[in-house]
Amino acid sequence: MIRPAIPRDYPAIRQIIAHAFGQDDEANLVEQLRADGDALVEFVAASEIALQGHILYSALAIEARRRDAARAAALAPVSVLPAFQRQGLGMALIEAGNAECRARAALPPFSCWGMPIIIRGWGSRPPQPLL
C-alpha cells in the first residue's frame, strides 16, 4: 500500500533510506528538506506490519536569465529496503508521487538526484532549453 508519510513514520523512513543507500547522506537530506519546509510530496510503501519504501519530492525553482523561474517538483530520493527491491515498490512510489505532483498545481515532476536520469515511462520530461 502506498500512502502519505506521517511524522511518526520519520524514524523508520530514516532507516529505510540509510539501508537502501548504505549511508546517511540521503536521510540527512530528507530531514533537512523537511526542516526547511521544502518537502512537497512524501509517500511510503507500507505493509500491514512495516514500512518498506519511501519517496520525497521537494520544491524546485528552475531559473533562467530571461524568464521567470519555473516551478517543479524534484524527486530525491526514492528508496526501498534491500529485501524488497526489484519487486515494483520503487516504481509504485514514483507513479504515485508523480500523480500527486501533477495534481498539485500542475507541478511537473523532475528527476534530479545525482546524474540527470530521465525515466520517460514514469512521466519525467527531458530538460527543455531555458533561454
N, C-alpha and C. Protein backbone atom coordinates (compact mmCIF):
# COMPACT_ATOMS: atom_id res chain seq x y z
N MET A 1 0.84 -1.17 0.00
CA MET A 1 0.00 0.00 0.00
C MET A 1 0.89 1.24 0.00
N ILE A 2 0.58 2.18 -0.89
CA ILE A 2 1.29 3.46 -0.93
C ILE A 2 0.39 4.48 -0.23
N ARG A 3 0.97 5.22 0.71
CA ARG A 3 0.20 6.22 1.46
C ARG A 3 1.11 7.40 1.79
N PRO A 4 0.50 8.55 2.13
CA PRO A 4 1.32 9.69 2.54
C PRO A 4 2.10 9.37 3.82
N ALA A 5 3.31 9.88 3.89
CA ALA A 5 4.11 9.75 5.12
C ALA A 5 3.53 10.65 6.19
N ILE A 6 3.63 10.20 7.43
CA ILE A 6 3.20 11.00 8.58
C ILE A 6 4.38 11.10 9.56
N PRO A 7 4.36 12.09 10.44
CA PRO A 7 5.52 12.29 11.32
C PRO A 7 5.96 11.06 12.10
N ARG A 8 5.06 10.20 12.54
CA ARG A 8 5.51 9.03 13.30
C ARG A 8 6.27 8.03 12.41
N ASP A 9 6.20 8.20 11.09
CA ASP A 9 6.97 7.35 10.16
C ASP A 9 8.43 7.78 10.06
N TYR A 10 8.76 9.00 10.46
CA TYR A 10 10.08 9.56 10.17
C TYR A 10 11.26 8.72 10.67
N PRO A 11 11.23 8.16 11.88
CA PRO A 11 12.38 7.32 12.28
C PRO A 11 12.55 6.09 11.37
N ALA A 12 11.45 5.46 11.00
CA ALA A 12 11.55 4.29 10.11
C ALA A 12 12.00 4.71 8.71
N ILE A 13 11.54 5.87 8.25
CA ILE A 13 11.96 6.37 6.93
C ILE A 13 13.46 6.59 6.92
N ARG A 14 14.00 7.16 8.00
CA ARG A 14 15.45 7.38 8.07
C ARG A 14 16.20 6.05 7.91
N GLN A 15 15.71 5.02 8.57
CA GLN A 15 16.35 3.70 8.49
C GLN A 15 16.23 3.10 7.09
N ILE A 16 15.07 3.25 6.47
CA ILE A 16 14.89 2.74 5.09
C ILE A 16 15.90 3.40 4.16
N ILE A 17 16.00 4.71 4.24
CA ILE A 17 16.91 5.43 3.35
C ILE A 17 18.36 5.02 3.60
N ALA A 18 18.76 4.96 4.87
CA ALA A 18 20.14 4.58 5.20
C ALA A 18 20.47 3.18 4.72
N HIS A 19 19.54 2.24 4.88
CA HIS A 19 19.79 0.87 4.41
C HIS A 19 19.81 0.79 2.89
N ALA A 20 18.91 1.53 2.23
CA ALA A 20 18.86 1.49 0.77
C ALA A 20 20.12 2.07 0.13
N PHE A 21 20.66 3.14 0.72
CA PHE A 21 21.82 3.80 0.14
C PHE A 21 23.13 3.40 0.80
N GLY A 22 23.08 2.72 1.95
CA GLY A 22 24.29 2.31 2.63
C GLY A 22 25.04 3.45 3.29
N GLN A 23 24.36 4.55 3.54
CA GLN A 23 24.96 5.72 4.19
C GLN A 23 23.84 6.63 4.67
N ASP A 24 24.20 7.67 5.41
CA ASP A 24 23.20 8.58 5.99
C ASP A 24 22.97 9.86 5.20
N ASP A 25 23.78 10.11 4.17
CA ASP A 25 23.69 11.40 3.46
C ASP A 25 22.28 11.69 2.94
N GLU A 26 21.66 10.72 2.30
CA GLU A 26 20.33 10.93 1.73
C GLU A 26 19.27 11.10 2.82
N ALA A 27 19.40 10.37 3.92
CA ALA A 27 18.48 10.54 5.05
C ALA A 27 18.63 11.93 5.65
N ASN A 28 19.87 12.41 5.74
CA ASN A 28 20.10 13.77 6.23
C ASN A 28 19.46 14.80 5.30
N LEU A 29 19.56 14.56 3.99
CA LEU A 29 18.95 15.45 3.02
C LEU A 29 17.44 15.53 3.23
N VAL A 30 16.79 14.39 3.39
CA VAL A 30 15.33 14.36 3.61
C VAL A 30 14.97 15.14 4.86
N GLU A 31 15.69 14.93 5.93
CA GLU A 31 15.40 15.65 7.17
C GLU A 31 15.60 17.16 7.01
N GLN A 32 16.63 17.55 6.27
CA GLN A 32 16.88 18.98 6.04
C GLN A 32 15.79 19.59 5.17
N LEU A 33 15.36 18.87 4.13
CA LEU A 33 14.28 19.38 3.28
C LEU A 33 12.99 19.57 4.08
N ARG A 34 12.70 18.63 4.96
CA ARG A 34 11.52 18.78 5.83
C ARG A 34 11.68 20.00 6.74
N ALA A 35 12.85 20.11 7.38
CA ALA A 35 13.09 21.20 8.33
C ALA A 35 13.01 22.56 7.65
N ASP A 36 13.43 22.64 6.38
CA ASP A 36 13.40 23.89 5.63
C ASP A 36 12.02 24.18 5.05
N GLY A 37 11.08 23.26 5.19
CA GLY A 37 9.75 23.45 4.63
C GLY A 37 9.68 23.22 3.14
N ASP A 38 10.66 22.51 2.59
CA ASP A 38 10.72 22.30 1.14
C ASP A 38 10.12 20.97 0.68
N ALA A 39 9.70 20.11 1.59
CA ALA A 39 9.09 18.84 1.20
C ALA A 39 7.70 19.12 0.65
N LEU A 40 7.43 18.65 -0.57
CA LEU A 40 6.13 18.86 -1.20
C LEU A 40 5.25 17.62 -1.12
N VAL A 41 5.82 16.49 -1.51
CA VAL A 41 5.09 15.22 -1.56
C VAL A 41 6.00 14.17 -0.93
N GLU A 42 5.44 13.40 -0.01
CA GLU A 42 6.22 12.36 0.66
C GLU A 42 5.31 11.16 0.89
N PHE A 43 5.68 10.04 0.30
CA PHE A 43 4.91 8.80 0.40
C PHE A 43 5.77 7.68 0.96
N VAL A 44 5.10 6.69 1.54
CA VAL A 44 5.76 5.46 1.97
C VAL A 44 5.05 4.27 1.34
N ALA A 45 5.80 3.20 1.16
CA ALA A 45 5.24 1.90 0.80
C ALA A 45 5.17 1.13 2.10
N ALA A 46 3.97 0.67 2.46
CA ALA A 46 3.77 0.03 3.76
C ALA A 46 3.03 -1.28 3.62
N SER A 47 3.43 -2.25 4.41
CA SER A 47 2.66 -3.48 4.56
C SER A 47 1.85 -3.34 5.84
N GLU A 48 1.18 -4.38 6.24
CA GLU A 48 0.41 -4.34 7.48
C GLU A 48 1.30 -4.19 8.71
N ILE A 49 2.58 -4.58 8.59
CA ILE A 49 3.44 -4.59 9.77
C ILE A 49 4.63 -3.63 9.73
N ALA A 50 5.00 -3.15 8.55
CA ALA A 50 6.20 -2.31 8.49
C ALA A 50 6.24 -1.48 7.22
N LEU A 51 7.05 -0.41 7.27
CA LEU A 51 7.34 0.38 6.08
C LEU A 51 8.43 -0.32 5.28
N GLN A 52 8.33 -0.23 3.96
CA GLN A 52 9.28 -0.90 3.08
C GLN A 52 9.99 0.05 2.12
N GLY A 53 9.39 1.22 1.88
CA GLY A 53 9.97 2.16 0.94
C GLY A 53 9.50 3.57 1.20
N HIS A 54 10.15 4.53 0.52
CA HIS A 54 9.89 5.95 0.75
C HIS A 54 10.24 6.74 -0.50
N ILE A 55 9.53 7.84 -0.69
CA ILE A 55 9.86 8.79 -1.77
C ILE A 55 9.57 10.20 -1.28
N LEU A 56 10.38 11.14 -1.73
CA LEU A 56 10.19 12.54 -1.37
C LEU A 56 10.38 13.40 -2.62
N TYR A 57 9.47 14.35 -2.78
CA TYR A 57 9.61 15.38 -3.80
C TYR A 57 9.72 16.71 -3.07
N SER A 58 10.62 17.55 -3.53
CA SER A 58 10.79 18.86 -2.89
C SER A 58 10.62 19.96 -3.93
N ALA A 59 10.46 21.18 -3.43
CA ALA A 59 10.27 22.34 -4.29
C ALA A 59 11.54 22.59 -5.10
N LEU A 60 11.34 22.89 -6.36
CA LEU A 60 12.45 23.18 -7.27
C LEU A 60 12.08 24.38 -8.12
N ALA A 61 12.90 25.40 -8.09
CA ALA A 61 12.73 26.56 -8.96
C ALA A 61 13.83 26.49 -10.01
N ILE A 62 13.43 26.50 -11.27
CA ILE A 62 14.38 26.46 -12.38
C ILE A 62 14.45 27.89 -12.93
N GLU A 63 15.59 28.51 -12.74
CA GLU A 63 15.72 29.91 -13.13
C GLU A 63 16.44 30.04 -14.46
N ALA A 64 16.00 31.02 -15.22
CA ALA A 64 16.63 31.34 -16.49
C ALA A 64 16.92 32.84 -16.51
N ARG A 65 17.88 33.23 -17.29
CA ARG A 65 18.26 34.63 -17.33
C ARG A 65 17.15 35.54 -17.85
N ARG A 66 16.40 35.05 -18.81
CA ARG A 66 15.43 35.93 -19.47
C ARG A 66 13.99 35.57 -19.18
N ARG A 67 13.75 34.71 -18.22
CA ARG A 67 12.39 34.30 -17.91
C ARG A 67 12.21 34.20 -16.41
N ASP A 68 10.96 34.21 -15.98
CA ASP A 68 10.67 33.95 -14.58
C ASP A 68 11.01 32.51 -14.27
N ALA A 69 11.26 32.23 -13.01
CA ALA A 69 11.59 30.86 -12.59
C ALA A 69 10.39 29.96 -12.82
N ALA A 70 10.67 28.78 -13.32
CA ALA A 70 9.63 27.76 -13.48
C ALA A 70 9.60 26.92 -12.21
N ARG A 71 8.41 26.53 -11.80
CA ARG A 71 8.28 25.70 -10.61
C ARG A 71 8.15 24.24 -11.02
N ALA A 72 8.79 23.37 -10.25
CA ALA A 72 8.71 21.94 -10.49
C ALA A 72 8.88 21.22 -9.16
N ALA A 73 8.75 19.92 -9.21
CA ALA A 73 8.96 19.08 -8.03
C ALA A 73 10.15 18.17 -8.29
N ALA A 74 11.15 18.25 -7.44
CA ALA A 74 12.37 17.44 -7.59
C ALA A 74 12.19 16.12 -6.85
N LEU A 75 12.40 15.03 -7.54
CA LEU A 75 12.33 13.71 -6.94
C LEU A 75 13.71 13.37 -6.40
N ALA A 76 13.83 13.28 -5.09
CA ALA A 76 15.10 12.90 -4.49
C ALA A 76 14.93 12.78 -2.99
N PRO A 77 15.15 11.64 -2.45
CA PRO A 77 15.43 10.36 -3.08
C PRO A 77 14.20 9.45 -3.10
N VAL A 78 14.35 8.34 -3.79
CA VAL A 78 13.40 7.23 -3.67
C VAL A 78 14.22 6.07 -3.12
N SER A 79 13.67 5.37 -2.13
CA SER A 79 14.43 4.28 -1.52
C SER A 79 13.50 3.16 -1.11
N VAL A 80 14.01 1.95 -1.25
CA VAL A 80 13.29 0.74 -0.86
C VAL A 80 14.28 -0.14 -0.09
N LEU A 81 13.81 -0.71 1.01
CA LEU A 81 14.69 -1.63 1.76
C LEU A 81 15.22 -2.71 0.82
N PRO A 82 16.50 -3.07 0.95
CA PRO A 82 17.09 -4.05 0.04
C PRO A 82 16.29 -5.35 -0.11
N ALA A 83 15.70 -5.85 0.95
CA ALA A 83 14.94 -7.11 0.88
C ALA A 83 13.70 -7.00 0.00
N PHE A 84 13.25 -5.77 -0.27
CA PHE A 84 12.03 -5.56 -1.05
C PHE A 84 12.29 -4.92 -2.41
N GLN A 85 13.55 -4.73 -2.76
CA GLN A 85 13.90 -4.15 -4.05
C GLN A 85 13.59 -5.13 -5.18
N ARG A 86 13.41 -4.58 -6.37
CA ARG A 86 13.14 -5.35 -7.60
C ARG A 86 11.80 -6.09 -7.54
N GLN A 87 10.86 -5.51 -6.79
CA GLN A 87 9.51 -6.08 -6.70
C GLN A 87 8.46 -5.07 -7.13
N GLY A 88 8.89 -3.93 -7.66
CA GLY A 88 7.95 -2.93 -8.14
C GLY A 88 7.59 -1.84 -7.15
N LEU A 89 8.13 -1.88 -5.93
CA LEU A 89 7.79 -0.86 -4.95
C LEU A 89 8.32 0.53 -5.35
N GLY A 90 9.54 0.57 -5.85
CA GLY A 90 10.10 1.85 -6.28
C GLY A 90 9.26 2.46 -7.39
N MET A 91 8.88 1.65 -8.37
CA MET A 91 8.06 2.14 -9.47
C MET A 91 6.70 2.61 -8.95
N ALA A 92 6.10 1.86 -8.03
CA ALA A 92 4.80 2.25 -7.47
C ALA A 92 4.91 3.58 -6.73
N LEU A 93 5.98 3.77 -5.98
CA LEU A 93 6.20 5.04 -5.29
C LEU A 93 6.34 6.20 -6.28
N ILE A 94 7.11 5.98 -7.33
CA ILE A 94 7.33 7.02 -8.34
C ILE A 94 6.02 7.35 -9.05
N GLU A 95 5.26 6.34 -9.43
CA GLU A 95 3.99 6.59 -10.12
C GLU A 95 3.03 7.37 -9.22
N ALA A 96 2.93 6.98 -7.94
CA ALA A 96 2.04 7.69 -7.01
C ALA A 96 2.53 9.12 -6.77
N GLY A 97 3.83 9.28 -6.60
CA GLY A 97 4.39 10.61 -6.38
C GLY A 97 4.21 11.51 -7.59
N ASN A 98 4.48 10.99 -8.78
CA ASN A 98 4.30 11.79 -9.99
C ASN A 98 2.84 12.21 -10.16
N ALA A 99 1.92 11.30 -9.89
CA ALA A 99 0.49 11.62 -10.00
C ALA A 99 0.11 12.73 -9.02
N GLU A 100 0.61 12.65 -7.79
CA GLU A 100 0.31 13.68 -6.80
C GLU A 100 0.92 15.02 -7.19
N CYS A 101 2.14 15.00 -7.74
CA CYS A 101 2.76 16.26 -8.19
C CYS A 101 1.94 16.89 -9.30
N ARG A 102 1.47 16.09 -10.24
CA ARG A 102 0.66 16.63 -11.32
C ARG A 102 -0.66 17.19 -10.79
N ALA A 103 -1.20 16.56 -9.76
CA ALA A 103 -2.48 17.01 -9.19
C ALA A 103 -2.33 18.31 -8.39
N ARG A 104 -1.16 18.58 -7.89
CA ARG A 104 -0.92 19.79 -7.09
C ARG A 104 -0.41 20.92 -7.98
N ALA A 105 -1.27 21.79 -8.35
CA ALA A 105 -0.90 22.98 -9.12
C ALA A 105 -0.10 22.65 -10.38
N ALA A 106 -0.35 21.50 -10.94
CA ALA A 106 0.30 21.10 -12.19
C ALA A 106 1.82 21.19 -12.11
N LEU A 107 2.39 20.81 -10.98
CA LEU A 107 3.85 20.80 -10.87
C LEU A 107 4.40 19.60 -11.61
N PRO A 108 5.24 19.82 -12.62
CA PRO A 108 5.81 18.67 -13.31
C PRO A 108 6.90 18.01 -12.47
N PRO A 109 6.90 16.68 -12.36
CA PRO A 109 7.99 16.01 -11.64
C PRO A 109 9.27 16.07 -12.45
N PHE A 110 10.38 16.16 -11.77
CA PHE A 110 11.67 16.31 -12.41
C PHE A 110 12.67 15.49 -11.63
N SER A 111 13.27 14.49 -12.27
CA SER A 111 14.27 13.65 -11.60
C SER A 111 15.61 14.36 -11.63
N CYS A 112 16.20 14.59 -10.46
CA CYS A 112 17.45 15.36 -10.47
C CYS A 112 18.39 14.96 -9.35
N TRP A 113 18.46 13.72 -8.98
CA TRP A 113 19.38 13.29 -7.93
C TRP A 113 20.59 12.67 -8.60
N GLY A 114 21.77 13.14 -8.28
CA GLY A 114 22.97 12.63 -8.92
C GLY A 114 22.99 13.06 -10.37
N MET A 115 23.37 12.16 -11.26
CA MET A 115 23.35 12.47 -12.68
C MET A 115 21.91 12.55 -13.16
N PRO A 116 21.60 13.43 -14.09
CA PRO A 116 20.22 13.53 -14.57
C PRO A 116 19.76 12.21 -15.17
N ILE A 117 18.63 11.73 -14.72
CA ILE A 117 18.06 10.50 -15.23
C ILE A 117 16.65 10.82 -15.69
N ILE A 118 16.36 10.54 -16.92
CA ILE A 118 15.03 10.79 -17.45
C ILE A 118 14.35 9.44 -17.64
N ILE A 119 13.27 9.25 -16.94
CA ILE A 119 12.54 8.00 -17.00
C ILE A 119 11.21 8.29 -17.68
N ARG A 120 11.20 8.21 -19.00
CA ARG A 120 10.04 8.62 -19.77
C ARG A 120 8.78 7.87 -19.36
N GLY A 121 8.87 6.61 -19.06
CA GLY A 121 7.70 5.83 -18.71
C GLY A 121 7.06 6.26 -17.40
N TRP A 122 7.76 7.04 -16.58
CA TRP A 122 7.23 7.48 -15.30
C TRP A 122 6.80 8.94 -15.33
N GLY A 123 6.80 9.55 -16.49
CA GLY A 123 6.27 10.90 -16.58
C GLY A 123 7.30 12.00 -16.45
N SER A 124 8.58 11.69 -16.30
CA SER A 124 9.58 12.74 -16.27
C SER A 124 9.82 13.21 -17.69
N ARG A 125 10.22 14.46 -17.81
CA ARG A 125 10.45 15.01 -19.13
C ARG A 125 11.90 15.42 -19.27
N PRO A 126 12.44 15.31 -20.50
CA PRO A 126 13.81 15.78 -20.71
C PRO A 126 13.88 17.27 -20.42
N PRO A 127 15.02 17.74 -19.94
CA PRO A 127 15.16 19.18 -19.71
C PRO A 127 14.92 19.95 -20.99
N GLN A 128 14.22 21.07 -20.90
CA GLN A 128 13.97 21.93 -22.04
C GLN A 128 14.89 23.14 -21.95
N PRO A 129 15.29 23.70 -23.09
CA PRO A 129 16.12 24.90 -23.05
C PRO A 129 15.40 26.01 -22.28
N LEU A 130 16.12 26.71 -21.43
CA LEU A 130 15.53 27.77 -20.62
C LEU A 130 15.72 29.15 -21.21
N LEU A 131 16.57 29.27 -22.21
CA LEU A 131 16.83 30.59 -22.81
C LEU A 131 16.20 30.71 -24.16
